[in-house]
């Protein structure tokens, strides 16, 4: 039976992860399509920037978010003055940090799926008078469903485990930004709370494993349907 503290951390983690994925998915599809289908000066630079969060220390990402999207940041100060929106020290900021960290995984999976689509099918549809948007929505996108599912659920699992960027950008506030990893960190720092930390560790492992299993199952199901 989960305690109220564990339920709160789990629900907040799910909310943050789902928001991160929902925010990232449209942009990830666009970026993946550009990288898969277009050739232009600076493409390698864009590719490197997209994958940069994979190699940067999460604390560095959190710091960059703090100085750019914080209340006094270059972008964050204007968002707060103009729209009253603040990402710092809020669950929305945690979702933003998770989205940035998980973004490369989503883009990579979708890009690989796009590259596997036979371009001749798209060309045939265009010769029949279909617009580029219609070709993408009716042919390209359905054929990339396995990659979309895999990328989305991998990003979701990565968002669940995000720690460094989150604690640096939005701190560790109970009920607001204290996700499962941050709650576990709090218990690790508390003398005599090893059992509570172990319980949260087990919860995190189970949720992440379920996400990966569901990702594998949905991907195989989509591949079978496309093969029919």
Protein backbone atom coordinates (compact mmCIF):
# COMPACT_ATOMS: atom_id res chain seq x y z
CA UNK A 1 0.00 0.00 0.00
CA UNK A 2 1.46 3.34 -1.02
CA UNK A 3 1.67 6.15 1.49
CA UNK A 4 0.23 9.60 0.83
CA UNK A 5 3.75 10.94 0.30
CA UNK A 6 4.54 8.25 -2.29
CA UNK A 7 1.23 8.76 -4.10
CA UNK A 8 1.86 12.51 -4.27
CA UNK A 9 5.36 12.04 -5.72
CA UNK A 10 4.15 9.41 -8.20
CA UNK A 11 1.20 11.47 -9.44
CA UNK A 12 3.39 14.55 -9.79
CA UNK A 13 5.96 12.52 -11.74
CA UNK A 14 3.26 11.22 -14.08
CA UNK A 15 1.85 14.73 -14.59
CA UNK A 16 5.29 16.17 -15.31
CA UNK A 17 6.23 13.34 -17.68
CA UNK A 18 2.96 13.38 -19.60
CA UNK A 19 3.13 17.17 -19.96
CA UNK A 20 6.73 16.97 -21.14
CA UNK A 21 5.83 14.41 -23.80
CA UNK A 22 2.73 16.30 -24.96
CA UNK A 23 4.73 19.51 -25.24
CA UNK A 24 7.63 17.87 -27.09
CA UNK A 25 5.83 15.61 -29.56
CA UNK A 26 4.71 18.14 -32.23
CA UNK A 27 8.11 19.83 -32.27
CA UNK A 28 9.90 16.46 -32.28
CA UNK A 29 7.92 15.35 -35.35
CA UNK A 30 8.80 18.59 -37.17
CA UNK A 31 12.50 18.44 -36.27
CA UNK A 32 12.74 14.73 -37.11
CA UNK A 33 11.11 15.34 -40.51
CA UNK A 34 13.48 18.21 -41.28
CA UNK A 35 16.52 16.12 -40.32
CA UNK A 36 15.28 13.08 -42.23
CA UNK A 37 14.11 14.71 -45.45
CA UNK A 38 15.80 18.07 -45.92
CA UNK A 39 19.33 19.05 -46.91
CA UNK A 40 20.47 22.55 -46.03
CA UNK A 41 23.53 24.41 -44.73
CA UNK A 42 23.80 23.96 -40.98
CA UNK A 43 21.97 20.64 -40.86
CA UNK A 44 24.81 19.00 -38.92
CA UNK A 45 24.77 21.88 -36.46
CA UNK A 46 21.02 21.47 -35.92
CA UNK A 47 21.49 17.73 -35.47
CA UNK A 48 24.21 18.35 -32.90
CA UNK A 49 22.10 20.88 -31.00
CA UNK A 50 19.16 18.47 -30.89
CA UNK A 51 21.34 15.73 -29.41
CA UNK A 52 23.30 18.02 -27.11
CA UNK A 53 21.15 17.22 -24.02
CA UNK A 54 22.28 13.59 -24.31
CA UNK A 55 25.89 14.51 -23.57
CA UNK A 56 25.54 17.61 -21.40
CA UNK A 57 25.46 17.10 -17.62
CA UNK A 58 21.83 17.55 -16.50
CA UNK A 59 22.97 20.18 -13.99
CA UNK A 60 24.27 22.28 -16.89
CA UNK A 61 20.88 22.04 -18.59
CA UNK A 62 19.19 23.09 -15.37
CA UNK A 63 21.54 26.05 -14.99
CA UNK A 64 20.96 27.18 -18.58
CA UNK A 65 17.22 26.97 -17.98
CA UNK A 66 17.61 28.97 -14.77
CA UNK A 67 19.41 31.86 -16.46
CA UNK A 68 17.17 31.82 -19.52
CA UNK A 69 13.69 30.77 -18.32
CA UNK A 70 13.88 31.74 -14.63
CA UNK A 71 11.97 34.69 -13.19
CA UNK A 72 15.01 36.91 -13.77
CA UNK A 73 16.15 35.10 -16.91
CA UNK A 74 16.55 36.52 -20.38
CA UNK A 75 13.33 34.92 -21.67
CA UNK A 76 11.60 34.09 -18.37
CA UNK A 77 11.51 37.71 -17.17
CA UNK A 78 9.68 38.78 -20.30
CA UNK A 79 7.24 35.87 -20.10
CA UNK A 80 6.43 36.88 -16.53
CA UNK A 81 6.12 40.61 -17.30
CA UNK A 82 4.00 40.15 -20.43
CA UNK A 83 1.91 37.08 -19.64
CA UNK A 84 2.40 36.40 -15.93
CA UNK A 85 3.94 33.01 -16.77
CA UNK A 86 6.74 31.68 -14.58
CA UNK A 87 8.51 28.33 -15.02
CA UNK A 88 10.91 28.58 -12.10
CA UNK A 89 10.00 26.71 -8.91
CA UNK A 90 6.87 25.19 -10.46
CA UNK A 91 5.83 21.82 -11.88
CA UNK A 92 5.61 23.45 -15.31
CA UNK A 93 9.33 24.17 -15.03
CA UNK A 94 9.95 20.55 -14.09
CA UNK A 95 8.02 19.49 -17.21
CA UNK A 96 10.10 21.88 -19.34
CA UNK A 97 13.35 20.45 -17.94
CA UNK A 98 12.16 16.89 -18.52
CA UNK A 99 11.04 17.74 -22.06
CA UNK A 100 14.46 19.13 -23.00
CA UNK A 101 16.34 16.17 -21.54
CA UNK A 102 14.06 13.61 -23.23
CA UNK A 103 13.70 15.47 -26.55
CA UNK A 104 16.68 13.84 -28.34
CA UNK A 105 15.35 10.33 -27.65
CA UNK A 106 12.01 11.20 -29.18
CA UNK A 107 13.52 12.89 -32.23
CA UNK A 108 15.92 10.02 -32.88
CA UNK A 109 13.21 7.35 -32.81
CA UNK A 110 10.88 9.34 -35.07
CA UNK A 111 13.69 10.24 -37.47
CA UNK A 112 14.73 6.60 -37.90
CA UNK A 113 11.11 5.67 -38.57
CA UNK A 114 10.76 8.46 -41.16
CA UNK A 115 13.91 7.35 -42.93
CA UNK A 116 12.46 3.86 -43.31
CA UNK A 117 9.40 5.13 -45.18
CA UNK A 118 9.60 4.50 -48.93
CA UNK A 119 9.79 7.93 -50.56
CA UNK A 120 8.31 6.48 -53.75
CA UNK A 121 4.95 6.14 -51.98
CA UNK A 122 4.98 9.85 -51.21
CA UNK A 123 6.03 10.72 -54.75
CA UNK A 124 3.23 8.59 -56.18
CA UNK A 125 0.68 10.40 -54.00
CA UNK A 126 1.98 13.78 -55.16
CA UNK A 127 1.69 12.80 -58.81
CA UNK A 128 -1.97 12.01 -58.12
CA UNK A 129 -2.50 15.56 -56.93
CA UNK A 130 -2.17 15.22 -53.17
CA UNK A 131 -0.75 18.25 -51.37
CA UNK A 132 2.45 17.87 -49.30
CA UNK A 133 0.43 18.22 -46.09
CA UNK A 134 -2.06 15.56 -47.18
CA UNK A 135 0.77 13.21 -48.17
CA UNK A 136 2.37 13.67 -44.77
CA UNK A 137 -0.86 13.18 -42.82
CA UNK A 138 -2.23 10.22 -44.80
CA UNK A 139 0.94 8.35 -45.80
CA UNK A 140 4.09 9.44 -44.01
CA UNK A 141 2.72 9.87 -40.50
CA UNK A 142 0.77 6.58 -40.35
CA UNK A 143 3.85 4.68 -41.56
CA UNK A 144 5.95 6.22 -38.77
CA UNK A 145 3.59 5.14 -35.98
CA UNK A 146 6.04 2.54 -34.58
CA UNK A 147 8.71 5.19 -34.25
CA UNK A 148 6.26 7.67 -32.80
CA UNK A 149 5.16 5.20 -30.14
CA UNK A 150 8.69 4.15 -29.31
CA UNK A 151 9.97 7.71 -29.12
CA UNK A 152 7.03 8.92 -27.06
CA UNK A 153 7.27 6.18 -24.46
CA UNK A 154 11.06 6.35 -24.27
CA UNK A 155 10.79 10.08 -23.67
CA UNK A 156 8.12 9.43 -21.05
CA UNK A 157 10.36 6.94 -19.24
CA UNK A 158 13.31 9.34 -19.43
CA UNK A 159 11.16 12.16 -18.05
CA UNK A 160 10.17 10.00 -15.10
CA UNK A 161 13.82 9.62 -14.15
CA UNK A 162 14.91 13.22 -14.66
CA UNK A 163 16.73 14.63 -11.62
CA UNK A 164 19.70 16.94 -12.23
CA UNK A 165 18.09 19.55 -14.48
CA UNK A 166 14.91 19.54 -12.39
CA UNK A 167 16.51 20.14 -8.99
CA UNK A 168 18.78 22.83 -10.45
CA UNK A 169 15.99 24.71 -12.21
CA UNK A 170 12.93 24.31 -9.98
CA UNK A 171 14.42 23.06 -6.69
CA UNK A 172 12.86 20.33 -4.52
CA UNK A 173 9.51 21.65 -3.33
CA UNK A 174 7.08 19.13 -1.75
CA UNK A 175 3.84 18.84 -3.70
CA UNK A 176 5.06 21.19 -6.44
CA UNK A 177 8.34 19.94 -7.94
CA UNK A 178 9.27 16.92 -5.79
CA UNK A 179 8.97 14.09 -8.29
CA UNK A 180 9.96 10.48 -7.54
CA UNK A 181 13.72 10.99 -8.06
CA UNK A 182 13.71 14.14 -5.92
CA UNK A 183 11.63 12.49 -3.21
CA UNK A 184 14.07 9.58 -3.17
CA UNK A 185 16.99 12.00 -2.93
CA UNK A 186 15.32 13.66 0.06
CA UNK A 187 15.04 10.32 1.84
CA UNK A 188 18.65 9.41 0.99
CA UNK A 189 19.76 12.61 2.71
CA UNK A 190 17.59 11.86 5.77
CA UNK A 191 19.23 9.63 8.42
CA UNK A 192 17.21 6.48 9.11
CA UNK A 193 15.05 6.81 5.97
CA UNK A 194 16.71 4.04 3.97
CA UNK A 195 13.51 1.97 3.84
CA UNK A 196 11.50 4.87 2.40
CA UNK A 197 14.19 5.52 -0.21
CA UNK A 198 14.18 1.84 -1.16
CA UNK A 199 10.39 1.86 -1.59
CA UNK A 200 10.58 4.87 -3.91
CA UNK A 201 13.40 3.19 -5.82
CA UNK A 202 11.22 0.12 -6.33
CA UNK A 203 8.26 2.25 -7.45
CA UNK A 204 10.48 4.07 -9.96
CA UNK A 205 11.85 0.82 -11.37
CA UNK A 206 8.35 -0.68 -11.74
CA UNK A 207 6.90 2.40 -13.48
CA UNK A 208 9.87 2.73 -15.85
CA UNK A 209 9.80 -0.99 -16.65
CA UNK A 210 6.07 -0.84 -17.38
CA UNK A 211 6.62 2.11 -19.72
CA UNK A 212 9.31 0.22 -21.63
CA UNK A 213 7.22 -2.95 -21.85
CA UNK A 214 4.22 -1.00 -23.11
CA UNK A 215 6.48 0.76 -25.64
CA UNK A 216 7.73 -2.59 -26.97
CA UNK A 217 4.23 -4.05 -27.13
CA UNK A 218 2.69 -1.05 -28.90
CA UNK A 219 5.58 -0.89 -31.37
CA UNK A 220 5.20 -4.55 -32.30
CA UNK A 221 1.44 -4.18 -32.60
CA UNK A 222 1.81 -1.18 -34.91
CA UNK A 223 4.38 -3.01 -37.04
CA UNK A 224 2.06 -6.00 -37.42
CA UNK A 225 -0.82 -3.80 -38.52
CA UNK A 226 1.34 -1.95 -41.04
CA UNK A 227 2.50 -5.27 -42.43
CA UNK A 228 -1.07 -6.36 -43.18
